[in-house]
Amino acid sequence: MSRTSIYDALKRGDITARKAGRRTLISFADLEAYLDSLPAYQADRVVESTRRKIGS
């Protein structure tokens, strides 16, 4: 995940963070729970949608 997507998830309240001085800390358990809540990647759907776009 990029830094931007992590900060976006923080703004939406999908994950929580703690401040320690200037550092923003996200617990491993919170990040793991957030990643587990995301949909799984399915390669066949990506290939099918790409075929539709290029007209195959």
N, C-alpha and C. Protein backbone atom coordinates (compact mmCIF):
# COMPACT_ATOMS: atom_id res chain seq x y z
N MET A 1 0.84 -1.17 0.00
CA MET A 1 0.00 0.00 0.00
C MET A 1 0.89 1.24 0.00
N SER A 2 0.43 2.24 -0.68
CA SER A 2 1.18 3.49 -0.72
C SER A 2 0.88 4.31 0.53
N ARG A 3 1.72 5.28 0.78
CA ARG A 3 1.51 6.18 1.91
C ARG A 3 0.19 6.92 1.76
N THR A 4 -0.11 7.35 0.53
CA THR A 4 -1.35 8.08 0.28
C THR A 4 -2.57 7.23 0.59
N SER A 5 -2.57 5.96 0.16
CA SER A 5 -3.74 5.11 0.41
C SER A 5 -3.89 4.83 1.90
N ILE A 6 -2.79 4.74 2.62
CA ILE A 6 -2.88 4.54 4.07
C ILE A 6 -3.48 5.77 4.74
N TYR A 7 -3.03 6.97 4.35
CA TYR A 7 -3.59 8.18 4.93
C TYR A 7 -5.06 8.36 4.54
N ASP A 8 -5.43 7.96 3.33
CA ASP A 8 -6.85 7.99 2.95
C ASP A 8 -7.67 7.06 3.83
N ALA A 9 -7.15 5.87 4.10
CA ALA A 9 -7.86 4.92 4.98
C ALA A 9 -7.98 5.48 6.39
N LEU A 10 -6.95 6.18 6.85
CA LEU A 10 -7.02 6.82 8.16
C LEU A 10 -8.11 7.89 8.19
N LYS A 11 -8.19 8.70 7.15
CA LYS A 11 -9.20 9.76 7.09
C LYS A 11 -10.62 9.19 7.08
N ARG A 12 -10.80 8.05 6.38
CA ARG A 12 -12.12 7.41 6.32
C ARG A 12 -12.46 6.69 7.62
N GLY A 13 -11.47 6.48 8.47
CA GLY A 13 -11.70 5.75 9.72
C GLY A 13 -11.59 4.25 9.56
N ASP A 14 -11.05 3.79 8.42
CA ASP A 14 -10.89 2.35 8.19
C ASP A 14 -9.80 1.75 9.07
N ILE A 15 -8.79 2.54 9.39
CA ILE A 15 -7.74 2.12 10.31
C ILE A 15 -7.49 3.25 11.29
N THR A 16 -6.92 2.91 12.43
CA THR A 16 -6.61 3.92 13.44
C THR A 16 -5.10 4.01 13.63
N ALA A 17 -4.66 5.15 14.09
CA ALA A 17 -3.23 5.36 14.31
C ALA A 17 -3.02 6.02 15.66
N ARG A 18 -1.81 5.93 16.13
CA ARG A 18 -1.39 6.59 17.37
C ARG A 18 -0.23 7.50 17.02
N LYS A 19 -0.11 8.58 17.74
CA LYS A 19 1.02 9.49 17.56
C LYS A 19 2.04 9.24 18.65
N ALA A 20 3.30 9.19 18.26
CA ALA A 20 4.42 9.10 19.20
C ALA A 20 5.41 10.17 18.77
N GLY A 21 5.29 11.32 19.38
CA GLY A 21 6.10 12.45 18.93
C GLY A 21 5.65 12.87 17.53
N ARG A 22 6.56 12.90 16.59
CA ARG A 22 6.22 13.26 15.21
C ARG A 22 5.80 12.05 14.39
N ARG A 23 5.97 10.86 14.94
CA ARG A 23 5.68 9.65 14.18
C ARG A 23 4.21 9.25 14.29
N THR A 24 3.65 8.77 13.18
CA THR A 24 2.30 8.21 13.16
C THR A 24 2.45 6.70 13.13
N LEU A 25 1.93 6.02 14.12
CA LEU A 25 2.09 4.58 14.25
C LEU A 25 0.76 3.88 14.02
N ILE A 26 0.80 2.83 13.24
CA ILE A 26 -0.38 1.99 12.98
C ILE A 26 -0.02 0.60 13.47
N SER A 27 -0.86 0.04 14.31
CA SER A 27 -0.55 -1.28 14.84
C SER A 27 -0.66 -2.33 13.73
N PHE A 28 0.16 -3.33 13.84
CA PHE A 28 0.14 -4.41 12.86
C PHE A 28 -1.23 -5.07 12.82
N ALA A 29 -1.86 -5.26 13.97
CA ALA A 29 -3.17 -5.91 14.03
C ALA A 29 -4.22 -5.08 13.29
N ASP A 30 -4.19 -3.73 13.46
CA ASP A 30 -5.14 -2.87 12.75
C ASP A 30 -4.92 -2.93 11.24
N LEU A 31 -3.66 -2.89 10.81
CA LEU A 31 -3.36 -2.94 9.39
C LEU A 31 -3.74 -4.30 8.80
N GLU A 32 -3.47 -5.36 9.52
CA GLU A 32 -3.82 -6.70 9.06
C GLU A 32 -5.34 -6.86 8.94
N ALA A 33 -6.08 -6.35 9.91
CA ALA A 33 -7.54 -6.43 9.86
C ALA A 33 -8.08 -5.65 8.66
N TYR A 34 -7.50 -4.47 8.40
CA TYR A 34 -7.92 -3.66 7.26
C TYR A 34 -7.64 -4.41 5.95
N LEU A 35 -6.46 -4.97 5.81
CA LEU A 35 -6.13 -5.71 4.59
C LEU A 35 -7.03 -6.93 4.41
N ASP A 36 -7.37 -7.59 5.50
CA ASP A 36 -8.27 -8.75 5.42
C ASP A 36 -9.67 -8.35 4.99
N SER A 37 -10.06 -7.09 5.24
CA SER A 37 -11.39 -6.64 4.87
C SER A 37 -11.50 -6.26 3.39
N LEU A 38 -10.37 -6.12 2.72
CA LEU A 38 -10.39 -5.75 1.30
C LEU A 38 -10.76 -6.95 0.44
N PRO A 39 -11.38 -6.72 -0.73
CA PRO A 39 -11.73 -7.84 -1.59
C PRO A 39 -10.48 -8.52 -2.14
N ALA A 40 -10.59 -9.80 -2.38
CA ALA A 40 -9.48 -10.58 -2.92
C ALA A 40 -9.29 -10.30 -4.40
N TYR A 41 -8.06 -10.34 -4.83
CA TYR A 41 -7.73 -10.16 -6.25
C TYR A 41 -8.14 -11.40 -7.01
N GLN A 42 -8.82 -11.20 -8.15
CA GLN A 42 -9.22 -12.32 -9.00
C GLN A 42 -8.75 -12.03 -10.41
N ALA A 43 -7.72 -12.73 -10.83
CA ALA A 43 -7.08 -12.47 -12.12
C ALA A 43 -8.03 -12.68 -13.29
N ASP A 44 -8.92 -13.64 -13.23
CA ASP A 44 -9.81 -13.91 -14.36
C ASP A 44 -10.73 -12.73 -14.63
N ARG A 45 -11.14 -12.00 -13.61
CA ARG A 45 -11.98 -10.82 -13.83
C ARG A 45 -11.21 -9.71 -14.52
N VAL A 46 -9.94 -9.53 -14.17
CA VAL A 46 -9.11 -8.50 -14.78
C VAL A 46 -8.90 -8.82 -16.25
N VAL A 47 -8.59 -10.07 -16.56
CA VAL A 47 -8.37 -10.49 -17.94
C VAL A 47 -9.64 -10.30 -18.75
N GLU A 48 -10.78 -10.69 -18.22
CA GLU A 48 -12.05 -10.57 -18.94
C GLU A 48 -12.39 -9.11 -19.21
N SER A 49 -12.21 -8.23 -18.21
CA SER A 49 -12.54 -6.82 -18.43
C SER A 49 -11.57 -6.19 -19.42
N THR A 50 -10.33 -6.63 -19.44
CA THR A 50 -9.36 -6.12 -20.41
C THR A 50 -9.74 -6.56 -21.82
N ARG A 51 -10.20 -7.78 -21.97
CA ARG A 51 -10.62 -8.26 -23.29
C ARG A 51 -11.78 -7.44 -23.82
N ARG A 52 -12.71 -7.10 -22.93
CA ARG A 52 -13.87 -6.30 -23.36
C ARG A 52 -13.43 -4.92 -23.84
N LYS A 53 -12.45 -4.34 -23.16
CA LYS A 53 -11.99 -2.99 -23.51
C LYS A 53 -11.29 -2.96 -24.86
N ILE A 54 -10.53 -4.03 -25.18
CA ILE A 54 -9.79 -4.00 -26.44
C ILE A 54 -10.56 -4.67 -27.56
N GLY A 55 -11.71 -5.20 -27.25
CA GLY A 55 -12.59 -5.75 -28.30
C GLY A 55 -12.28 -7.16 -28.76
N SER A 56 -11.62 -7.96 -27.94
CA SER A 56 -11.30 -9.35 -28.31
C SER A 56 -12.47 -10.25 -28.11
